[in-house]
Amino acid sequence: MTVYNLYIFDKNGILLYYCEWNRFKQSGMTKEEEAKLMYGMLFSIKSFVSKISPLDTKEGFLYYKTSKYTLHYLEIASGLKLIINTDNNAQGVRELLQQIYSQIYVEYVVKNPITSINQPIQSDLFKTKLDNFVKSSAVYLSKAI
């Protein structure tokens, strides 16, 4: 199992944080362009899922899978969006996203008096805790290609 990267967007689509772990192929565009493309795609998929779904589900869009990777999505009631890309064998990723939110984001961003909630995350403590948390999870495994 491998974790490739993580995006955190606010409710307005502003990229608050981005991190890579085992991403070997780059998109060839800037981080800002890639983030806009990612957010636009998520907005479109969420809209599509809500309109086409035969059932009225509370959770809506949770993930999509390609032949090469799986994108996992978690949206918090405040509109905060966490997206993590993994290989297709990763298990328990939704729980990992929920733990990143509750144990890392809330603790080191929301409860930090010198951090602005709707601004890009600059906290070194947040970055270190997130990196250690993801690397110690069952989902993460370094994979050399």
Protein backbone atom coordinates (compact mmCIF):
# COMPACT_ATOMS: atom_id res chain seq x y z
CA MET A 1 0.00 0.00 0.00
CA THR A 2 1.23 3.46 -0.84
CA VAL A 3 0.15 7.02 -0.12
CA TYR A 4 1.04 9.38 -2.95
CA ASN A 5 -0.18 12.83 -1.94
CA LEU A 6 -2.65 14.87 0.11
CA TYR A 7 -4.61 18.05 -0.65
CA ILE A 8 -6.51 20.14 1.89
CA PHE A 9 -8.94 22.74 0.48
CA ASP A 10 -11.13 25.22 2.32
CA LYS A 11 -14.84 25.61 1.54
CA ASN A 12 -14.05 28.13 -1.23
CA GLY A 13 -11.57 25.90 -3.05
CA ILE A 14 -8.42 27.59 -1.75
CA LEU A 15 -5.55 25.14 -1.37
CA LEU A 16 -4.57 25.23 2.29
CA TYR A 17 -2.00 22.47 2.21
CA TYR A 18 -0.39 20.02 -0.17
CA CYS A 19 2.11 17.26 0.57
CA GLU A 20 3.68 14.40 -1.40
CA TRP A 21 5.11 11.16 -0.10
CA ASN A 22 5.56 8.55 -2.80
CA ARG A 23 4.55 10.42 -5.94
CA PHE A 24 6.84 9.42 -8.77
CA LYS A 25 5.12 10.99 -11.79
CA GLN A 26 4.68 14.76 -11.87
CA SER A 27 1.86 16.51 -13.74
CA GLY A 28 4.07 18.99 -15.56
CA MET A 29 2.13 21.98 -14.23
CA THR A 30 2.56 24.25 -11.25
CA LYS A 31 1.21 23.25 -7.86
CA GLU A 32 -1.37 26.06 -8.12
CA GLU A 33 -2.58 24.93 -11.57
CA GLU A 34 -2.78 21.33 -10.40
CA ALA A 35 -4.75 22.34 -7.29
CA LYS A 36 -7.26 24.30 -9.40
CA LEU A 37 -7.66 21.34 -11.73
CA MET A 38 -8.15 18.99 -8.76
CA TYR A 39 -10.73 21.23 -7.10
CA GLY A 40 -12.62 21.74 -10.38
CA MET A 41 -12.71 18.00 -10.98
CA LEU A 42 -13.98 17.34 -7.45
CA PHE A 43 -16.66 20.02 -7.81
CA SER A 44 -17.82 18.41 -11.07
CA ILE A 45 -17.77 14.86 -9.71
CA LYS A 46 -19.72 15.85 -6.58
CA SER A 47 -22.32 17.61 -8.71
CA PHE A 48 -22.58 14.64 -11.08
CA VAL A 49 -22.92 12.12 -8.23
CA SER A 50 -25.61 14.14 -6.45
CA LYS A 51 -27.66 14.52 -9.64
CA ILE A 52 -27.34 11.02 -11.06
CA SER A 53 -27.55 8.97 -7.87
CA PRO A 54 -30.68 6.80 -7.68
CA LEU A 55 -30.60 7.06 -3.88
CA ASP A 56 -30.46 10.07 -1.61
CA THR A 57 -27.22 9.46 0.24
CA LYS A 58 -25.80 11.59 3.02
CA GLU A 59 -22.18 11.01 2.13
CA GLY A 60 -22.33 11.38 -1.66
CA PHE A 61 -18.95 11.10 -3.36
CA LEU A 62 -16.32 9.21 -1.31
CA TYR A 63 -13.68 8.01 -3.79
CA TYR A 64 -12.93 7.02 -7.35
CA LYS A 65 -10.57 4.38 -8.64
CA THR A 66 -8.55 4.19 -11.83
CA SER A 67 -6.30 1.39 -13.02
CA LYS A 68 -3.31 3.14 -11.38
CA TYR A 69 -4.53 4.87 -8.20
CA THR A 70 -7.52 5.65 -5.97
CA LEU A 71 -8.56 9.17 -4.95
CA HIS A 72 -10.23 9.28 -1.52
CA TYR A 73 -12.36 12.26 -0.51
CA LEU A 74 -13.61 13.54 2.84
CA GLU A 75 -15.63 16.73 3.25
CA ILE A 76 -16.17 18.09 6.76
CA ALA A 77 -19.40 19.92 7.70
CA SER A 78 -17.46 23.23 7.67
CA GLY A 79 -16.67 22.67 3.98
CA LEU A 80 -13.04 21.65 4.54
CA LYS A 81 -12.05 19.04 1.95
CA LEU A 82 -9.32 16.43 2.38
CA ILE A 83 -8.17 14.43 -0.64
CA ILE A 84 -5.60 11.69 -0.55
CA ASN A 85 -4.33 9.61 -3.46
CA THR A 86 -3.21 6.05 -2.78
CA ASP A 87 -2.52 2.89 -4.69
CA ASN A 88 -5.50 0.64 -5.34
CA ASN A 89 -4.68 -1.79 -2.53
CA ALA A 90 -4.93 0.75 0.31
CA GLN A 91 -7.46 -0.13 3.00
CA GLY A 92 -8.96 2.07 5.73
CA VAL A 93 -8.21 5.34 3.97
CA ARG A 94 -11.49 7.01 4.96
CA GLU A 95 -10.61 6.41 8.61
CA LEU A 96 -7.13 7.81 7.96
CA LEU A 97 -8.65 10.98 6.50
CA GLN A 98 -10.97 11.34 9.49
CA GLN A 99 -8.02 10.91 11.85
CA ILE A 100 -5.93 13.45 9.91
CA TYR A 101 -8.77 15.90 10.37
CA SER A 102 -9.52 15.24 14.04
CA GLN A 103 -6.06 14.42 15.38
CA ILE A 104 -3.81 16.60 13.23
CA TYR A 105 -5.78 19.42 11.58
CA VAL A 106 -7.97 20.26 14.58
CA GLU A 107 -5.12 19.92 17.08
CA TYR A 108 -2.42 21.81 15.18
CA VAL A 109 -4.39 24.27 13.02
CA VAL A 110 -7.79 24.94 14.58
CA LYS A 111 -6.51 25.02 18.16
CA ASN A 112 -3.37 26.99 17.27
CA PRO A 113 -3.98 30.67 18.15
CA ILE A 114 -1.38 31.95 15.69
CA THR A 115 -2.75 30.03 12.70
CA SER A 116 -5.44 31.53 10.47
CA ILE A 117 -8.10 28.97 9.59
CA ASN A 118 -8.70 30.08 5.98
CA GLN A 119 -5.07 30.71 5.07
CA PRO A 120 -2.48 28.28 3.69
CA ILE A 121 -1.01 26.20 6.51
CA GLN A 122 2.52 27.33 7.35
CA SER A 123 2.92 25.58 10.71
CA ASP A 124 6.04 23.41 10.85
CA LEU A 125 4.53 21.53 13.78
CA PHE A 126 1.46 20.64 11.66
CA LYS A 127 3.68 19.50 8.80
CA THR A 128 5.85 17.34 11.05
CA LYS A 129 2.91 15.78 12.90
CA LEU A 130 1.08 15.06 9.63
CA ASP A 131 4.15 13.51 8.05
CA ASN A 132 4.82 11.31 11.08
CA PHE A 133 1.14 10.35 11.37
CA VAL A 134 0.80 9.32 7.72
CA LYS A 135 4.13 7.45 7.70
CA SER A 136 3.14 5.50 10.82
CA SER A 137 -0.29 4.54 9.43
CA ALA A 138 -1.09 1.12 8.02
CA VAL A 139 -1.96 2.79 4.70
CA TYR A 140 1.55 4.16 4.14
CA LEU A 141 4.37 2.12 2.71
CA SER A 142 7.34 3.50 0.87
CA LYS A 143 7.53 1.96 -2.55
CA ALA A 144 10.61 2.36 -4.68
CA ILE A 145 10.05 2.07 -8.41
